[in-house]
Amino acid sequence: MNASNSSTPRFILASSSPRRKELLKMVGIEPLILIPDVDETKHASETIEEFVRRVTIAKGRAVYRGEFFHVPVISSDTIVVCEGRVIGKPVDRREAGEFLEILSNNEHDVMTGVSILFEGKVHYEYARTRVYFSEITSLELEYYLDTEDYMDKAGAYAIQGQAALFIKKIEGCFFNVMGFPLNLFYSMLKKIGPPHCVHLYNGK
């Protein structure tokens, strides 16, 4: 795992996602970034909810060290679910095209688990957003795939990217679809205690 600095952090983010880092920075949090090494393969016996919970919590535990006991360790996992099937990150252009053909003229759910590991306790919740895609023509699909905007993205798209042209509407949290539901995270943080929420505003 990699660290962005060696000083004592106020928050730790167990993620390699630039989008989660960007969203936290947007609300005044600049966490220490630690990249977890976690198996994200769904077990056959798991429900989708169990899968998201296991992977989300495992990411936080993978980077935890004793000196982080009083520091909130944030971890998260986002998946796309369409017709009961988990649509992950495409391995190549061909698979990205297959995923988008499934999402085309269809609706799907984006689920993001959020875990905060703090003072020996795991706090976990998840958000779900319904996303409705318009029909994607073959020509539109090829143009989109040429942008390579599908790379390293669950469902082969980012709501804040060029695929926004295909999205008719959403029901739920926009930031959840980006990869991190900020309001849910904040409500969890407030339950942990005001001393940690104050960092969002005064930087102390």
Protein backbone atom coordinates (compact mmCIF):
# COMPACT_ATOMS: atom_id res chain seq x y z
CA MET A 1 0.00 0.00 0.00
CA ASN A 2 1.06 3.58 -0.65
CA ALA A 3 0.83 6.66 1.53
CA SER A 4 0.65 10.27 0.40
CA ASN A 5 2.57 11.55 3.46
CA SER A 6 3.93 10.35 6.77
CA SER A 7 2.36 12.93 9.12
CA THR A 8 -0.51 12.08 11.44
CA PRO A 9 -3.65 12.44 9.32
CA ARG A 10 -7.11 13.67 10.34
CA PHE A 11 -8.76 11.21 7.97
CA ILE A 12 -7.58 8.15 6.04
CA LEU A 13 -9.11 7.07 2.74
CA ALA A 14 -8.60 3.41 1.85
CA SER A 15 -9.06 3.82 -1.89
CA SER A 16 -7.24 4.26 -5.17
CA SER A 17 -10.23 6.11 -6.65
CA PRO A 18 -9.42 9.67 -7.76
CA ARG A 19 -13.15 10.42 -7.72
CA ARG A 20 -13.52 9.67 -4.00
CA LYS A 21 -10.48 11.77 -3.22
CA GLU A 22 -11.91 14.58 -5.34
CA LEU A 23 -15.31 14.44 -3.62
CA LEU A 24 -13.81 14.49 -0.13
CA LYS A 25 -11.57 17.39 -1.10
CA MET A 26 -14.64 19.23 -2.37
CA VAL A 27 -16.10 19.21 1.18
CA GLY A 28 -12.85 20.17 2.87
CA ILE A 29 -11.29 16.79 3.63
CA GLU A 30 -7.82 16.00 2.33
CA PRO A 31 -7.22 12.47 3.63
CA LEU A 32 -4.12 10.39 3.76
CA ILE A 33 -4.51 7.96 0.85
CA LEU A 34 -3.72 4.30 1.51
CA ILE A 35 -4.39 1.78 -1.24
CA PRO A 36 -5.87 -1.51 0.00
CA ASP A 37 -5.18 -4.90 -1.50
CA VAL A 38 -8.53 -6.70 -1.31
CA ASP A 39 -10.14 -9.53 -3.28
CA GLU A 40 -13.22 -7.98 -4.89
CA THR A 41 -14.59 -11.24 -6.30
CA LYS A 42 -18.18 -11.94 -5.35
CA HIS A 43 -18.70 -15.25 -3.55
CA ALA A 44 -21.42 -17.46 -4.98
CA SER A 45 -23.18 -17.72 -1.61
CA GLU A 46 -23.28 -13.95 -1.02
CA THR A 47 -26.18 -11.63 -1.68
CA ILE A 48 -25.30 -8.41 -3.45
CA GLU A 49 -25.72 -6.48 -0.19
CA GLU A 50 -23.41 -8.90 1.65
CA PHE A 51 -20.83 -8.63 -1.12
CA VAL A 52 -20.72 -4.83 -1.00
CA ARG A 53 -20.52 -4.83 2.79
CA ARG A 54 -17.69 -7.39 2.90
CA VAL A 55 -15.53 -5.63 0.31
CA THR A 56 -16.15 -2.16 1.73
CA ILE A 57 -15.19 -3.12 5.28
CA ALA A 58 -12.26 -5.26 4.12
CA LYS A 59 -10.71 -2.26 2.37
CA GLY A 60 -10.63 -0.27 5.58
CA ARG A 61 -9.25 -3.15 7.62
CA ALA A 62 -6.57 -3.81 5.00
CA VAL A 63 -4.91 -0.43 5.59
CA TYR A 64 -5.54 -0.12 9.33
CA ARG A 65 -2.60 0.19 11.72
CA GLY A 66 -2.53 0.64 15.47
CA GLU A 67 -1.55 4.31 15.29
CA PHE A 68 -4.79 5.01 13.40
CA PHE A 69 -6.99 4.12 16.38
CA HIS A 70 -8.19 7.73 16.84
CA VAL A 71 -8.33 8.52 13.10
CA PRO A 72 -11.44 7.74 11.01
CA VAL A 73 -10.48 5.24 8.30
CA ILE A 74 -12.89 5.66 5.38
CA SER A 75 -13.47 2.91 2.85
CA SER A 76 -16.01 2.41 0.11
CA ASP A 77 -17.05 0.16 -2.73
CA THR A 78 -19.35 0.93 -5.66
CA ILE A 79 -21.10 -1.56 -7.92
CA VAL A 80 -23.64 -1.37 -10.72
CA VAL A 81 -26.51 -3.87 -10.64
CA CYS A 82 -28.72 -4.45 -13.68
CA GLU A 83 -31.42 -7.12 -13.76
CA GLY A 84 -29.83 -8.84 -10.78
CA ARG A 85 -26.38 -8.95 -12.40
CA VAL A 86 -23.35 -7.15 -11.00
CA ILE A 87 -21.75 -5.06 -13.74
CA GLY A 88 -18.17 -4.43 -12.71
CA LYS A 89 -15.24 -2.59 -14.23
CA PRO A 90 -14.62 -3.71 -17.84
CA VAL A 91 -11.31 -5.34 -18.57
CA ASP A 92 -11.21 -4.04 -22.14
CA ARG A 93 -13.13 -2.20 -24.87
CA ARG A 94 -15.10 -5.28 -25.89
CA GLU A 95 -16.40 -5.92 -22.38
CA ALA A 96 -17.19 -2.21 -21.92
CA GLY A 97 -19.34 -2.39 -25.04
CA GLU A 98 -21.14 -5.46 -23.72
CA PHE A 99 -21.86 -3.74 -20.41
CA LEU A 100 -23.23 -0.61 -22.07
CA GLU A 101 -25.44 -2.65 -24.35
CA ILE A 102 -26.99 -4.15 -21.20
CA LEU A 103 -27.52 -0.69 -19.68
CA SER A 104 -28.86 0.82 -22.92
CA ASN A 105 -32.58 1.68 -22.79
CA ASN A 106 -32.69 0.12 -19.34
CA GLU A 107 -32.56 1.01 -15.67
CA HIS A 108 -30.01 -0.09 -13.11
CA ASP A 109 -28.99 0.49 -9.51
CA VAL A 110 -25.73 1.95 -8.30
CA MET A 111 -24.83 0.75 -4.81
CA THR A 112 -22.04 2.23 -2.72
CA GLY A 113 -21.01 0.88 0.64
CA VAL A 114 -19.40 3.29 3.11
CA SER A 115 -17.39 2.16 6.12
CA ILE A 116 -15.76 4.27 8.81
CA LEU A 117 -13.40 2.34 11.08
CA PHE A 118 -12.87 4.40 14.21
CA GLU A 119 -11.62 3.54 17.70
CA GLY A 120 -12.04 -0.18 17.15
CA LYS A 121 -15.59 0.01 15.78
CA VAL A 122 -16.81 -0.40 12.21
CA HIS A 123 -19.64 1.89 11.13
CA TYR A 124 -21.22 0.74 7.86
CA GLU A 125 -24.11 1.88 5.67
CA TYR A 126 -24.86 1.88 1.95
CA ALA A 127 -26.63 4.07 -0.59
CA ARG A 128 -28.63 2.98 -3.62
CA THR A 129 -29.46 5.16 -6.64
CA ARG A 130 -31.62 4.18 -9.60
CA VAL A 131 -30.24 5.30 -12.98
CA TYR A 132 -32.20 5.34 -16.24
CA PHE A 133 -30.34 5.13 -19.56
CA SER A 134 -31.73 6.11 -22.92
CA GLU A 135 -31.08 3.87 -25.91
CA ILE A 136 -27.46 3.93 -27.07
CA THR A 137 -27.14 3.46 -30.83
CA SER A 138 -24.30 1.45 -32.33
CA LEU A 139 -22.71 4.63 -33.67
CA GLU A 140 -22.98 6.39 -30.30
CA LEU A 141 -21.48 3.35 -28.58
CA GLU A 142 -18.46 3.31 -30.89
CA TYR A 143 -17.90 7.05 -30.44
CA TYR A 144 -18.09 6.64 -26.68
CA LEU A 145 -15.74 3.67 -26.59
CA ASP A 146 -13.23 5.67 -28.64
CA THR A 147 -12.98 8.13 -25.73
CA GLU A 148 -11.85 5.33 -23.38
CA ASP A 149 -13.94 7.04 -20.68
CA TYR A 150 -15.09 3.59 -19.60
CA MET A 151 -11.73 2.57 -18.14
CA ASP A 152 -11.61 1.73 -14.40
CA LYS A 153 -15.30 2.55 -13.95
CA ALA A 154 -18.04 0.28 -12.60
CA GLY A 155 -20.64 -0.18 -15.31
CA ALA A 156 -18.17 1.24 -17.88
CA TYR A 157 -19.30 4.81 -17.33
CA ALA A 158 -19.02 7.87 -15.12
CA ILE A 159 -22.04 10.09 -14.54
CA GLN A 160 -19.75 13.13 -14.64
CA GLY A 161 -18.19 12.02 -17.94
CA GLN A 162 -19.36 11.77 -21.53
CA ALA A 163 -21.82 9.00 -20.65
CA ALA A 164 -23.91 11.73 -18.98
CA LEU A 165 -25.42 12.17 -22.45
CA PHE A 166 -27.10 8.76 -22.09
CA ILE A 167 -28.64 9.34 -18.65
CA LYS A 168 -32.32 10.28 -18.72
CA LYS A 169 -32.77 10.62 -14.98
CA ILE A 170 -31.70 9.32 -11.60
CA GLU A 171 -33.57 8.60 -8.39
CA GLY A 172 -31.34 9.10 -5.39
CA CYS A 173 -27.95 10.60 -4.64
CA PHE A 174 -25.94 11.93 -7.60
CA PHE A 175 -22.67 11.65 -5.69
CA ASN A 176 -23.40 7.99 -4.99
CA VAL A 177 -23.26 7.38 -8.74
CA MET A 178 -19.93 9.21 -8.83
CA GLY A 179 -18.69 6.72 -6.25
CA PHE A 180 -19.18 8.27 -2.83
CA PRO A 181 -22.50 9.39 -1.25
CA LEU A 182 -21.45 12.51 0.60
CA ASN A 183 -24.63 13.08 2.60
CA LEU A 184 -24.65 9.50 3.85
CA PHE A 185 -20.99 9.78 4.80
CA TYR A 186 -21.61 13.03 6.67
CA SER A 187 -24.56 11.60 8.59
CA MET A 188 -22.39 8.65 9.62
CA LEU A 189 -19.60 10.98 10.67
CA LYS A 190 -21.95 13.01 12.85
CA LYS A 191 -22.98 9.84 14.68
CA ILE A 192 -19.33 9.15 15.50
CA GLY A 193 -18.94 12.54 17.16
CA PRO A 194 -18.79 16.31 16.57
CA PRO A 195 -14.99 16.56 17.08
CA HIS A 196 -14.51 14.83 13.76
CA CYS A 197 -17.16 16.82 11.92
CA VAL A 198 -15.56 20.13 12.87
CA HIS A 199 -12.55 19.27 10.67
CA LEU A 200 -14.81 19.79 7.68
CA TYR A 201 -15.10 23.49 8.42
CA ASN A 202 -12.16 24.93 10.29
CA GLY A 203 -9.30 22.59 9.37
CA LYS A 204 -8.13 22.32 12.98
